[in-house]
Structure formats: structure tokens, C-alpha cells
């Protein structure tokens, strides 16, 4: 895997305590998963890690869940967590590759250059016997994060509406296939079922094996079967912008550069008064 996107546990453990390295627990779960990311962080974490709450570090002026905050807000939140834009930022979640990808994408969009995901996640870190810290975490020392927002990596609803008409890009949807087809209800009340017209189904879990991304050859095959090649313009989407980031991460792994993430995703498009939807 590309070194700029992932770090192995045996490499990460050697970085604990370094002042230019920030360990970030970005664990977040759906209600059906029955886990509480912040409670688990308070109970056990990588020594010196801080908790990155994607519901708090978000645009609070919208009713859409965990939308990307302004660069100013992101910079303030990251600074308060003691994270510098110049750090090596090591992000992890419990299962290995779920919400960590969302935090990875947010830091990359905001200009951090060296952002890596802990390969295998914290569940496997603990199983391997690597150091953990328990009890109340120490408050982080405030540092400076300078946000350099890249708008070219973010898609809005208006962009998607144009793409539906022009077909200038392929929209790939990370939700389970049944939700994509409209045969299963959305977990968020009030949303319609189905998918963005013309989009393709690429369930995010098809890209994973044991909490890690599959190898590049397998990823290329999965994307190719969805019509995505190296020169294809792509928009990633999902339920609320979390697992879409897994698709974005996988695209980065195969060195695909022409892609954006639809931040509103189905939480916005699937509203009762939203744009047209397709089923099956």
C-alpha cells in the first residue's frame, strides 16, 4: 500500500511520544453497530491519542449530519486537539477502516500533507498487545493547524444535479446494494429509498478484508467492473459522507486523482423534496 495513506502498527508504535506525530482516534459508529466511539476512547486508546468527533467537527448550521466544517472551524478544532498541519497524523478507528477514512479525507481536504491510517485499526492493535493508555486522557497542548482547503475534492448537490444531466462523471455509491436498489429502507427516518440516477453500486465493504483495504489489483478490478478507470471522473457518495470516504481512500490507493466526495450524500439527495431517484 502507498506509504502516504497507511502505516503499519509496528511502525506506528515506534512513533508514540514524538512531538511531531499526532495519534487521532476517529471512531464513530452507526446506532445498529452498538458501539460508542468516545466511551471506548476514554476507556482505552493509543498513548497520547486525541479523540476526533466527526459530529462535533462539522458544519453546525445545517440539519445534515457531520457535514464538512468551514476551514476556520476545522483549524480551530484541530489546533485545540493539539494537531499541527505539519505533523505526521496517524488516524485510527476500532474496526480498522470505517470512520477513520472520513477523518483522513477531512484532514487531506484541509491541507494536511502527511495523513495515514493505522492499518488494521485499534481492535487489532489491542489484540497484538501493543501499548494502550487507560483512564482519563490528559488535555492536549494547543498547537497551530493552518487549514488550506481544497474545494476540488468536494462535490455539492448542484454538482451532482449537473452530472445526472451531462453524465460527465460516474457517481459510485458506498451503501449496501439493497439500499442502493431501494429494496431496503434507509436507516435515517424520512429519507426516500433508491439511488442517484445513473450512479453505480460499489458497497464499501467489498473493498475490505479483515479491517484493511484489499490490494491494488483487486481494487482496480472492483472499480473497473463499475466503469471506473484511471482517467474517469468520479464522485463518491454514501449515506452521509462517511463510507464514501472509504471509496475515496481506495481510489487514492490506485492513484486515481480525478475524484470528489459528495458531502451531503443520500442524507441530502434522499430527502422527501429532493431530486429524482432511481430504484433497482
Protein backbone atom coordinates (compact mmCIF):
# COMPACT_ATOMS: atom_id res chain seq x y z
CA UNK A 1 0.00 0.00 0.00
CA UNK A 2 1.09 3.58 -0.60
CA UNK A 3 3.04 4.81 2.41
CA UNK A 4 1.28 8.18 2.37
CA UNK A 5 -2.10 6.63 3.17
CA UNK A 6 -1.36 3.83 5.65
CA UNK A 7 1.04 2.98 8.44
CA UNK A 8 1.65 -0.46 9.90
CA UNK A 9 1.25 -0.97 13.67
CA UNK A 10 4.89 -2.00 14.07
CA UNK A 11 5.90 1.33 12.52
CA UNK A 12 3.35 3.40 14.44
CA UNK A 13 4.35 2.03 17.85
CA UNK A 14 7.83 3.47 17.36
CA UNK A 15 6.34 6.97 16.95
CA UNK A 16 4.50 7.16 20.28
CA UNK A 17 5.59 10.22 22.22
CA UNK A 18 7.18 12.07 19.32
CA UNK A 19 6.20 15.77 19.33
CA UNK A 20 5.72 15.87 15.55
CA UNK A 21 3.30 12.93 15.45
CA UNK A 22 -0.40 13.12 16.33
CA UNK A 23 -2.39 9.96 17.02
CA UNK A 24 -6.08 10.55 16.36
CA UNK A 25 -8.94 8.23 17.34
CA UNK A 26 -11.75 8.93 14.87
CA UNK A 27 -14.01 6.05 15.90
CA UNK A 28 -17.68 6.67 15.08
CA UNK A 29 -20.46 4.12 14.77
CA UNK A 30 -23.98 3.76 13.47
CA UNK A 31 -26.61 3.03 16.15
CA UNK A 32 -27.02 -0.51 14.80
CA UNK A 33 -23.36 -1.24 15.50
CA UNK A 34 -23.92 -0.90 19.23
CA UNK A 35 -20.62 0.82 19.97
CA UNK A 36 -19.79 4.26 21.43
CA UNK A 37 -16.60 5.69 19.95
CA UNK A 38 -15.97 8.31 22.62
CA UNK A 39 -16.72 5.96 25.51
CA UNK A 40 -14.28 3.42 24.08
CA UNK A 41 -11.65 6.16 23.65
CA UNK A 42 -11.97 7.19 27.28
CA UNK A 43 -11.62 3.55 28.30
CA UNK A 44 -8.58 2.68 26.16
CA UNK A 45 -6.55 4.34 23.41
CA UNK A 46 -3.12 4.57 21.86
CA UNK A 47 -0.94 6.51 24.33
CA UNK A 48 -1.24 10.25 23.72
CA UNK A 49 -4.11 9.94 21.25
CA UNK A 50 -6.86 12.56 20.98
CA UNK A 51 -10.48 11.99 20.02
CA UNK A 52 -11.74 13.42 16.72
CA UNK A 53 -15.54 13.66 16.84
CA UNK A 54 -16.92 13.88 13.30
CA UNK A 55 -20.28 15.02 14.67
CA UNK A 56 -18.69 17.92 16.55
CA UNK A 57 -16.06 18.93 14.00
CA UNK A 58 -18.78 19.66 11.48
CA UNK A 59 -20.99 22.36 9.98
CA UNK A 60 -23.46 23.13 12.75
CA UNK A 61 -25.55 25.45 10.56
CA UNK A 62 -27.14 22.60 8.60
CA UNK A 63 -29.52 19.81 9.53
CA UNK A 64 -27.41 17.36 7.53
CA UNK A 65 -25.20 15.03 9.61
CA UNK A 66 -21.45 15.68 10.07
CA UNK A 67 -21.03 17.94 7.04
CA UNK A 68 -17.58 19.38 6.39
CA UNK A 69 -16.97 22.46 8.59
CA UNK A 70 -15.51 25.71 7.36
CA UNK A 71 -11.71 25.80 7.13
CA UNK A 72 -11.66 28.25 10.04
CA UNK A 73 -13.67 25.97 12.29
CA UNK A 74 -11.63 22.93 11.31
CA UNK A 75 -8.39 24.79 12.05
CA UNK A 76 -9.65 25.85 15.49
CA UNK A 77 -10.82 22.34 16.37
CA UNK A 78 -7.60 20.68 15.18
CA UNK A 79 -5.48 23.26 16.98
CA UNK A 80 -7.41 22.70 20.21
CA UNK A 81 -6.73 18.97 19.85
CA UNK A 82 -3.02 19.74 19.66
CA UNK A 83 -2.67 18.81 15.98
CA UNK A 84 -0.42 20.77 13.62
CA UNK A 85 -0.75 20.75 9.84
CA UNK A 86 2.96 19.84 9.76
CA UNK A 87 2.53 16.68 11.88
CA UNK A 88 2.52 13.11 10.77
CA UNK A 89 -1.16 12.45 11.58
CA UNK A 90 -1.97 8.81 12.37
CA UNK A 91 -5.71 8.17 12.33
CA UNK A 92 -7.45 5.05 13.53
CA UNK A 93 -10.86 3.66 14.41
CA UNK A 94 -11.94 0.49 16.15
CA UNK A 95 -12.74 -1.89 13.26
CA UNK A 96 -9.84 -0.75 11.06
CA UNK A 97 -11.45 1.06 8.17
CA UNK A 98 -14.76 2.79 8.69
CA UNK A 99 -14.90 6.31 10.11
CA UNK A 100 -11.09 6.67 10.04
CA UNK A 101 -11.37 7.16 6.29
CA UNK A 102 -13.72 10.13 6.81
CA UNK A 103 -11.24 11.82 9.16
CA UNK A 104 -8.40 11.03 6.72
CA UNK A 105 -10.36 12.71 3.91
CA UNK A 106 -11.18 15.75 6.06
CA UNK A 107 -7.55 16.33 7.02
CA UNK A 108 -6.43 15.90 3.39
CA UNK A 109 -9.11 18.31 2.13
CA UNK A 110 -7.97 20.83 4.75
CA UNK A 111 -4.38 20.71 3.58
CA UNK A 112 -2.57 18.30 5.92
CA UNK A 113 0.04 16.53 3.83
CA UNK A 114 1.17 13.53 5.89
CA UNK A 115 -2.01 11.72 6.97
CA UNK A 116 -2.01 7.97 7.42
CA UNK A 117 -4.48 5.40 8.65
CA UNK A 118 -3.37 2.78 11.14
CA UNK A 119 -3.54 -0.49 9.27
CA UNK A 120 -5.99 -2.87 10.93
CA UNK A 121 -7.34 -0.39 13.47
CA UNK A 122 -7.37 -0.29 17.25
CA UNK A 123 -9.16 -3.62 17.72
CA UNK A 124 -6.20 -5.42 16.13
CA UNK A 125 -3.71 -3.11 17.87
CA UNK A 126 -5.05 -4.36 21.20
CA UNK A 127 -5.12 -7.99 20.05
CA UNK A 128 -1.44 -7.72 19.09
CA UNK A 129 -0.50 -6.49 22.56
CA UNK A 130 0.72 -3.03 21.59
CA UNK A 131 0.71 -0.31 24.31
CA UNK A 132 -2.59 1.20 25.37
CA UNK A 133 -3.45 4.06 27.69
CA UNK A 134 -6.39 3.92 30.08
CA UNK A 135 -8.09 6.35 32.44
CA UNK A 136 -8.92 9.98 31.75
CA UNK A 137 -6.74 11.37 28.94
CA UNK A 138 -4.54 14.37 29.60
CA UNK A 139 -5.77 17.58 27.93
CA UNK A 140 -3.82 18.23 24.72
CA UNK A 141 -1.43 21.15 24.39
CA UNK A 142 -2.87 23.66 21.90
CA UNK A 143 -0.89 23.98 18.67
CA UNK A 144 -1.42 25.68 15.32
CA UNK A 145 -3.20 24.00 12.42
CA UNK A 146 -3.28 26.12 9.27
CA UNK A 147 -6.12 24.98 7.03
CA UNK A 148 -5.57 25.09 3.26
CA UNK A 149 -8.92 24.00 1.91
CA UNK A 150 -9.06 22.17 -1.44
CA UNK A 151 -12.55 22.73 -2.89
CA UNK A 152 -11.74 20.49 -5.85
CA UNK A 153 -12.18 17.40 -3.66
CA UNK A 154 -15.72 18.24 -2.53
CA UNK A 155 -18.96 17.94 -4.51
CA UNK A 156 -22.24 19.70 -3.72
CA UNK A 157 -25.79 18.73 -4.65
CA UNK A 158 -25.72 21.23 -7.52
CA UNK A 159 -22.67 19.45 -8.96
CA UNK A 160 -24.48 16.12 -8.81
CA UNK A 161 -27.58 17.53 -10.49
CA UNK A 162 -25.43 18.71 -13.41
CA UNK A 163 -23.68 15.34 -13.64
CA UNK A 164 -27.02 13.49 -13.78
CA UNK A 165 -27.82 15.54 -16.88
CA UNK A 166 -24.37 15.67 -18.51
CA UNK A 167 -23.03 12.26 -17.46
CA UNK A 168 -19.57 13.88 -17.30
CA UNK A 169 -18.64 11.78 -14.27
CA UNK A 170 -19.54 8.45 -12.68
CA UNK A 171 -21.15 8.51 -9.26
CA UNK A 172 -20.24 5.48 -7.14
CA UNK A 173 -22.32 4.70 -4.06
CA UNK A 174 -20.80 3.00 -0.99
CA UNK A 175 -24.10 1.95 0.63
CA UNK A 176 -25.17 -1.71 0.76
CA UNK A 177 -26.66 -2.88 -2.52
CA UNK A 178 -30.15 -3.36 -1.07
CA UNK A 179 -30.30 0.28 -0.03
CA UNK A 180 -28.89 1.33 -3.39
CA UNK A 181 -31.61 -0.63 -5.20
CA UNK A 182 -34.30 0.70 -2.89
CA UNK A 183 -35.31 -2.74 -1.63
CA UNK A 184 -34.16 -1.89 1.91
CA UNK A 185 -35.24 1.16 3.88
CA UNK A 186 -32.80 3.86 4.83
CA UNK A 187 -31.72 3.86 8.50
CA UNK A 188 -32.37 7.61 8.77
CA UNK A 189 -36.12 8.25 9.14
CA UNK A 190 -37.87 10.21 6.42
CA UNK A 191 -35.48 9.51 3.56
CA UNK A 192 -36.62 8.01 0.28
CA UNK A 193 -35.15 4.74 -0.98
CA UNK A 194 -33.11 4.29 -4.12
CA UNK A 195 -30.08 5.96 -5.67
CA UNK A 196 -28.92 8.96 -7.68
CA UNK A 197 -29.92 8.39 -11.32
CA UNK A 198 -27.10 6.80 -13.30
CA UNK A 199 -24.94 6.03 -10.27
CA UNK A 200 -23.17 2.71 -9.73
CA UNK A 201 -23.15 0.50 -6.64
CA UNK A 202 -19.76 -0.16 -5.03
CA UNK A 203 -20.52 -1.23 -1.42
CA UNK A 204 -17.58 -0.15 0.70
CA UNK A 205 -17.24 -3.49 2.48
CA UNK A 206 -16.42 -5.15 -0.86
CA UNK A 207 -13.14 -3.21 -0.77
CA UNK A 208 -12.13 -4.57 2.64
CA UNK A 209 -10.65 -7.71 4.11
CA UNK A 210 -10.06 -8.08 7.86
CA UNK A 211 -10.26 -4.35 8.53
CA UNK A 212 -7.88 -3.43 5.73
CA UNK A 213 -8.19 -2.42 2.09
CA UNK A 214 -7.72 -5.15 -0.46
CA UNK A 215 -4.62 -4.92 -2.64
CA UNK A 216 -4.43 -2.51 -5.56
CA UNK A 217 -5.03 -5.18 -8.19
CA UNK A 218 -8.27 -6.25 -6.51
CA UNK A 219 -9.36 -2.64 -6.04
CA UNK A 220 -8.73 -1.84 -9.69
CA UNK A 221 -10.84 -4.84 -10.72
CA UNK A 222 -13.76 -3.79 -8.49
CA UNK A 223 -13.70 -0.23 -9.78
CA UNK A 224 -13.27 -1.33 -13.39
CA UNK A 225 -16.38 -3.50 -13.10
CA UNK A 226 -18.22 -0.33 -12.02
CA UNK A 227 -16.92 1.52 -15.08
CA UNK A 228 -14.17 3.43 -13.27
CA UNK A 229 -10.77 3.61 -14.95
CA UNK A 230 -7.75 5.80 -14.19
CA UNK A 231 -8.99 8.67 -16.38
CA UNK A 232 -12.67 8.51 -15.28
CA UNK A 233 -14.08 11.49 -13.41
CA UNK A 234 -15.65 10.10 -10.22
CA UNK A 235 -17.93 11.30 -7.43
CA UNK A 236 -18.10 9.13 -4.30
CA UNK A 237 -21.29 9.02 -2.27
CA UNK A 238 -22.93 7.03 0.54
CA UNK A 239 -25.49 7.60 3.31
CA UNK A 240 -23.93 10.63 4.97
CA UNK A 241 -20.39 11.05 3.66
CA UNK A 242 -18.60 8.56 5.93
CA UNK A 243 -18.18 5.37 3.88
CA UNK A 244 -17.92 7.42 0.69
CA UNK A 245 -14.51 8.34 2.11
CA UNK A 246 -13.56 4.64 2.07
CA UNK A 247 -14.16 4.74 -1.69
CA UNK A 248 -12.10 7.95 -1.94
CA UNK A 249 -9.30 6.31 0.04
CA UNK A 250 -9.37 3.23 -2.20
CA UNK A 251 -9.20 5.48 -5.26
CA UNK A 252 -6.15 7.17 -3.77
CA UNK A 253 -4.57 3.76 -3.30
CA UNK A 254 -4.79 3.04 -7.03
CA UNK A 255 -3.52 6.57 -7.77
CA UNK A 256 -6.82 7.80 -9.18
CA UNK A 257 -6.81 11.59 -8.82
CA UNK A 258 -9.91 12.91 -10.62
CA UNK A 259 -12.47 12.33 -7.88
CA UNK A 260 -14.61 14.25 -5.40
CA UNK A 261 -16.75 13.26 -2.42
CA UNK A 262 -20.42 14.28 -2.33
CA UNK A 263 -20.57 15.54 1.22
CA UNK A 264 -24.37 15.66 1.55
CA UNK A 265 -24.70 12.18 0.08
CA UNK A 266 -28.03 10.36 0.48
CA UNK A 267 -28.89 12.29 3.65
CA UNK A 268 -29.36 15.28 1.34
CA UNK A 269 -30.37 13.74 -2.00
CA UNK A 270 -32.83 11.31 -0.42
CA UNK A 271 -34.91 13.94 1.36
CA UNK A 272 -38.64 13.83 0.52
CA UNK A 273 -38.36 17.04 -1.51
CA UNK A 274 -35.00 16.08 -3.08
CA UNK A 275 -34.12 15.46 -6.75
CA UNK A 276 -35.33 12.39 -8.68
CA UNK A 277 -34.23 8.94 -7.58
CA UNK A 278 -33.92 5.58 -9.29
CA UNK A 279 -34.57 2.11 -7.91
CA UNK A 280 -33.25 -1.29 -8.97
